[in-house]
N, C-alpha and C. Protein backbone atom coordinates (compact mmCIF):
# COMPACT_ATOMS: atom_id res chain seq x y z
N MET A 1 -77.51 39.70 -61.82
CA MET A 1 -78.30 40.41 -61.43
C MET A 1 -78.24 41.05 -59.39
N LEU A 2 -79.06 40.41 -58.93
CA LEU A 2 -79.42 40.17 -57.88
C LEU A 2 -78.91 40.16 -56.31
N LYS A 3 -77.65 39.23 -57.08
CA LYS A 3 -75.90 39.60 -56.45
C LYS A 3 -75.45 40.16 -56.21
N TYR A 4 -75.59 41.47 -57.04
CA TYR A 4 -74.86 42.49 -57.07
C TYR A 4 -75.33 43.38 -55.98
N LEU A 5 -76.55 43.93 -56.19
CA LEU A 5 -77.73 44.17 -55.52
C LEU A 5 -77.51 44.27 -53.92
N LEU A 6 -77.31 42.80 -54.11
CA LEU A 6 -76.96 42.41 -52.40
C LEU A 6 -76.08 42.44 -51.99
N ILE A 7 -75.31 42.19 -52.33
CA ILE A 7 -73.82 42.85 -51.75
C ILE A 7 -73.94 43.79 -52.02
N ALA A 8 -74.77 45.45 -52.13
CA ALA A 8 -74.18 47.03 -52.06
C ALA A 8 -75.48 46.65 -50.67
N LEU A 9 -75.98 46.14 -50.57
CA LEU A 9 -77.16 46.38 -49.32
C LEU A 9 -76.24 45.65 -48.31
N LEU A 10 -75.59 44.74 -48.20
CA LEU A 10 -74.58 45.05 -47.17
C LEU A 10 -73.81 45.48 -47.07
N ILE A 11 -72.95 45.88 -48.16
CA ILE A 11 -72.23 47.02 -48.48
C ILE A 11 -72.67 48.44 -47.43
N LEU A 12 -73.81 48.81 -47.68
CA LEU A 12 -74.62 49.62 -47.28
C LEU A 12 -75.26 49.72 -45.65
N TRP A 13 -75.63 48.30 -44.88
CA TRP A 13 -75.43 48.25 -44.28
C TRP A 13 -74.60 47.87 -43.04
N LEU A 14 -73.50 47.69 -43.40
CA LEU A 14 -72.33 47.61 -43.18
C LEU A 14 -71.89 48.87 -42.60
N LEU A 15 -71.83 49.64 -43.73
CA LEU A 15 -71.29 51.65 -43.11
C LEU A 15 -72.43 51.99 -41.96
N TYR A 16 -73.37 51.97 -42.36
CA TYR A 16 -74.50 52.39 -41.46
C TYR A 16 -74.46 51.52 -40.33
N SER A 17 -74.06 50.32 -39.74
CA SER A 17 -73.69 50.26 -38.52
C SER A 17 -73.93 50.70 -37.35
N PRO A 18 -74.17 50.83 -36.12
CA PRO A 18 -72.86 51.62 -35.02
C PRO A 18 -71.55 51.44 -35.15
N GLY A 19 -71.56 49.50 -34.65
CA GLY A 19 -71.04 49.16 -34.71
C GLY A 19 -69.19 49.10 -35.45
N VAL A 20 -69.45 49.21 -37.60
CA VAL A 20 -69.26 50.22 -38.41
C VAL A 20 -68.81 50.78 -38.21
N ARG A 21 -69.93 51.73 -37.38
CA ARG A 21 -68.97 53.40 -37.48
C ARG A 21 -68.41 53.80 -36.83
N LYS A 22 -68.65 53.51 -35.55
CA LYS A 22 -67.69 53.89 -34.35
C LYS A 22 -66.22 53.52 -34.42
N LEU A 23 -66.02 52.28 -35.54
CA LEU A 23 -65.15 51.65 -36.43
C LEU A 23 -64.14 52.76 -36.93
N LEU A 24 -65.31 53.31 -37.86
CA LEU A 24 -64.30 54.03 -39.28
C LEU A 24 -64.52 55.30 -38.18
N ARG A 25 -64.87 55.68 -37.18
CA ARG A 25 -64.49 57.38 -36.31
C ARG A 25 -63.93 57.08 -35.45
N ARG A 26 -62.98 55.51 -35.19
CA ARG A 26 -61.07 56.39 -34.11
C ARG A 26 -60.33 55.77 -35.24
N GLY A 27 -61.11 55.36 -36.19
CA GLY A 27 -59.72 55.30 -37.27
C GLY A 27 -58.62 54.05 -37.05
N ILE A 28 -58.11 54.06 -38.95
CA ILE A 28 -56.72 53.33 -37.95
C ILE A 28 -56.33 52.77 -37.53
N SER A 29 -55.65 53.61 -36.56
CA SER A 29 -55.35 53.41 -35.53
C SER A 29 -55.01 53.88 -34.10
N GLY A 30 -56.65 52.83 -34.01
CA GLY A 30 -57.23 52.58 -33.09
C GLY A 30 -57.12 53.27 -31.48
N GLU A 31 -57.45 54.45 -32.05
CA GLU A 31 -58.11 55.20 -30.26
C GLU A 31 -58.34 54.86 -30.22
N SER A 32 -58.07 55.31 -29.20
CA SER A 32 -60.77 55.34 -28.31
C SER A 32 -60.99 56.77 -27.90
N THR A 33 -62.61 56.24 -28.31
CA THR A 33 -63.55 57.59 -29.15
C THR A 33 -63.78 58.21 -26.89
N LYS A 34 -63.38 57.15 -25.56
CA LYS A 34 -63.68 56.60 -24.72
C LYS A 34 -62.88 58.04 -23.80
N PRO A 35 -63.48 58.94 -22.96
CA PRO A 35 -62.13 59.78 -22.44
C PRO A 35 -61.39 59.96 -21.87
N ALA A 36 -60.40 59.92 -21.77
CA ALA A 36 -59.44 59.78 -19.94
C ALA A 36 -60.24 59.45 -19.21
N THR A 37 -60.19 59.03 -18.32
CA THR A 37 -60.70 59.08 -16.66
C THR A 37 -60.15 59.39 -15.79
N LYS A 38 -60.84 59.84 -15.02
CA LYS A 38 -60.01 60.95 -13.53
C LYS A 38 -59.94 60.05 -12.90
N PRO A 39 -58.50 60.56 -12.18
CA PRO A 39 -57.91 60.03 -11.15
C PRO A 39 -59.25 60.24 -10.07
N GLN A 40 -59.08 59.08 -9.78
CA GLN A 40 -59.51 58.79 -7.71
C GLN A 40 -59.36 60.07 -7.28
N THR A 41 -60.46 60.35 -6.51
CA THR A 41 -60.13 62.17 -5.37
C THR A 41 -59.51 61.19 -4.04
N SER A 42 -58.75 60.23 -4.64
CA SER A 42 -58.10 60.24 -2.60
C SER A 42 -57.01 60.33 -3.28
N GLN A 43 -56.69 59.87 -4.97
CA GLN A 43 -54.82 59.96 -5.53
C GLN A 43 -54.77 61.63 -5.61
N ALA A 44 -55.78 62.13 -6.37
CA ALA A 44 -55.85 64.20 -6.46
C ALA A 44 -56.05 64.43 -5.70
N ARG A 45 -56.09 64.56 -4.16
CA ARG A 45 -55.96 65.49 -3.39
C ARG A 45 -54.34 65.11 -2.34
N THR A 46 -53.42 66.48 -2.42
CA THR A 46 -52.40 66.61 -1.71
C THR A 46 -52.20 66.93 -0.88
N THR A 47 -51.26 66.49 -0.12
CA THR A 47 -51.48 66.33 1.83
C THR A 47 -49.71 67.10 1.73
N ALA A 48 -49.25 67.64 2.94
CA ALA A 48 -48.56 68.59 2.93
C ALA A 48 -47.89 66.75 4.00
N VAL A 49 -46.39 67.48 4.17
CA VAL A 49 -45.30 66.38 4.33
C VAL A 49 -44.82 66.88 5.54
N VAL A 50 -44.68 66.47 6.33
CA VAL A 50 -43.38 67.20 7.63
C VAL A 50 -41.95 66.17 7.94
N PRO A 51 -40.87 66.82 8.57
CA PRO A 51 -39.86 65.39 9.03
C PRO A 51 -40.13 65.74 10.12
N CYS A 52 -40.33 63.83 10.98
CA CYS A 52 -40.07 64.37 12.47
C CYS A 52 -38.73 65.31 12.26
N ALA A 53 -39.62 65.64 13.99
CA ALA A 53 -38.20 66.94 14.27
C ALA A 53 -36.90 66.44 15.30
N HIS A 54 -37.60 64.70 15.87
CA HIS A 54 -36.52 63.56 16.04
C HIS A 54 -35.43 62.44 15.50
N CYS A 55 -36.62 62.33 13.97
CA CYS A 55 -35.25 61.49 13.83
C CYS A 55 -35.66 60.95 12.09
N GLY A 56 -36.54 62.04 12.07
CA GLY A 56 -35.91 62.59 10.27
C GLY A 56 -37.71 62.01 9.23
N VAL A 57 -37.84 61.29 9.86
CA VAL A 57 -38.77 60.73 9.37
C VAL A 57 -40.16 61.60 8.86
N HIS A 58 -40.19 61.47 7.09
CA HIS A 58 -41.24 61.81 6.60
C HIS A 58 -42.59 61.83 7.05
N LEU A 59 -44.03 62.71 7.85
CA LEU A 59 -44.52 61.82 7.32
C LEU A 59 -46.89 63.54 7.65
N PRO A 60 -46.85 62.69 6.72
CA PRO A 60 -48.85 62.98 6.20
C PRO A 60 -48.22 64.82 7.35
N GLN A 61 -49.30 65.79 7.43
CA GLN A 61 -48.96 67.05 8.51
C GLN A 61 -50.16 66.45 9.19
N GLY A 62 -50.97 65.68 9.10
CA GLY A 62 -52.82 65.54 10.13
C GLY A 62 -52.29 64.31 10.56
N GLU A 63 -51.24 63.76 11.00
CA GLU A 63 -50.69 62.96 11.19
C GLU A 63 -49.59 62.68 12.42
N ALA A 64 -48.90 63.89 12.41
CA ALA A 64 -47.99 64.31 13.07
C ALA A 64 -48.45 64.70 14.20
N LEU A 65 -47.41 65.02 15.23
CA LEU A 65 -48.15 64.90 16.70
C LEU A 65 -46.82 66.55 16.80
N PHE A 66 -47.16 68.14 18.02
CA PHE A 66 -46.19 69.30 17.12
C PHE A 66 -46.45 69.62 18.76
N ASN A 67 -44.74 70.23 18.91
CA ASN A 67 -44.78 70.37 20.48
C ASN A 67 -45.95 71.78 20.58
N ASP A 68 -45.00 73.01 21.72
CA ASP A 68 -45.39 74.05 22.42
C ASP A 68 -45.40 74.73 21.07
N ALA A 69 -43.31 74.53 20.05
CA ALA A 69 -42.99 75.15 19.76
C ALA A 69 -43.11 75.11 18.25
N GLY A 70 -44.43 74.24 17.83
CA GLY A 70 -44.61 74.28 16.98
C GLY A 70 -43.89 72.65 15.93
N GLN A 71 -42.57 72.20 16.60
CA GLN A 71 -41.70 71.58 15.29
C GLN A 71 -42.95 69.89 15.50
N PRO A 72 -42.91 69.30 14.37
CA PRO A 72 -43.11 67.75 13.76
C PRO A 72 -43.03 66.67 14.31
N PHE A 73 -43.05 65.93 14.95
CA PHE A 73 -43.12 64.65 15.31
C PHE A 73 -43.84 63.43 15.01
N CYS A 74 -43.18 62.08 15.04
CA CYS A 74 -43.95 61.15 14.35
C CYS A 74 -44.51 60.34 15.21
N SER A 75 -44.47 60.37 16.92
CA SER A 75 -45.02 59.69 17.63
C SER A 75 -44.67 60.38 18.95
N GLU A 76 -45.06 59.48 19.70
CA GLU A 76 -45.53 60.14 20.87
C GLU A 76 -44.60 59.74 22.19
N ALA A 77 -43.49 58.85 21.55
CA ALA A 77 -42.14 58.45 22.35
C ALA A 77 -41.62 59.36 21.72
N HIS A 78 -41.28 59.94 20.61
CA HIS A 78 -40.41 60.81 19.59
C HIS A 78 -41.42 62.32 20.35
N LEU A 79 -41.96 62.79 21.01
CA LEU A 79 -42.34 63.73 21.54
C LEU A 79 -41.68 64.42 22.87
N ARG A 80 -42.02 62.73 23.45
CA ARG A 80 -42.02 62.11 24.89
C ARG A 80 -39.87 63.09 24.71
N ALA A 81 -39.17 62.13 23.79
CA ALA A 81 -37.54 62.16 24.15
C ALA A 81 -36.38 63.39 23.86
N GLN A 82 -37.39 64.43 23.02
CA GLN A 82 -37.00 65.51 22.78
C GLN A 82 -37.31 66.40 23.92
N LYS A 83 -38.45 66.37 24.45
CA LYS A 83 -38.79 67.19 26.41
C LYS A 83 -37.93 67.28 26.62
N ARG A 84 -37.09 65.31 26.25
CA ARG A 84 -36.27 64.86 27.85
C ARG A 84 -34.42 65.79 27.47
N ASP A 85 -34.78 66.51 25.80
CA ASP A 85 -33.29 66.22 25.50
C ASP A 85 -32.66 67.71 26.24
N ARG A 86 -33.48 68.30 26.59
CA ARG A 86 -34.19 69.60 27.25
C ARG A 86 -32.95 70.20 27.37
């Protein structure tokens, strides 16, 4: 009789222990209870990309050099080359 009482207490203890309760909440499918992680802030920001007016290479707008007409260039050399071609 004592054996059955000990088994019942063991089952109750397992059912109410935090580790087993977490497994039961997740279910058999193995879904995680943790929320999805947010993307890093640097990846979440978007930057406008512009093509160089001389060679066509795309670069972030913040890194581009602009002439008087507002055309973007990828480098000082391409900016000077465009001025010479005129």
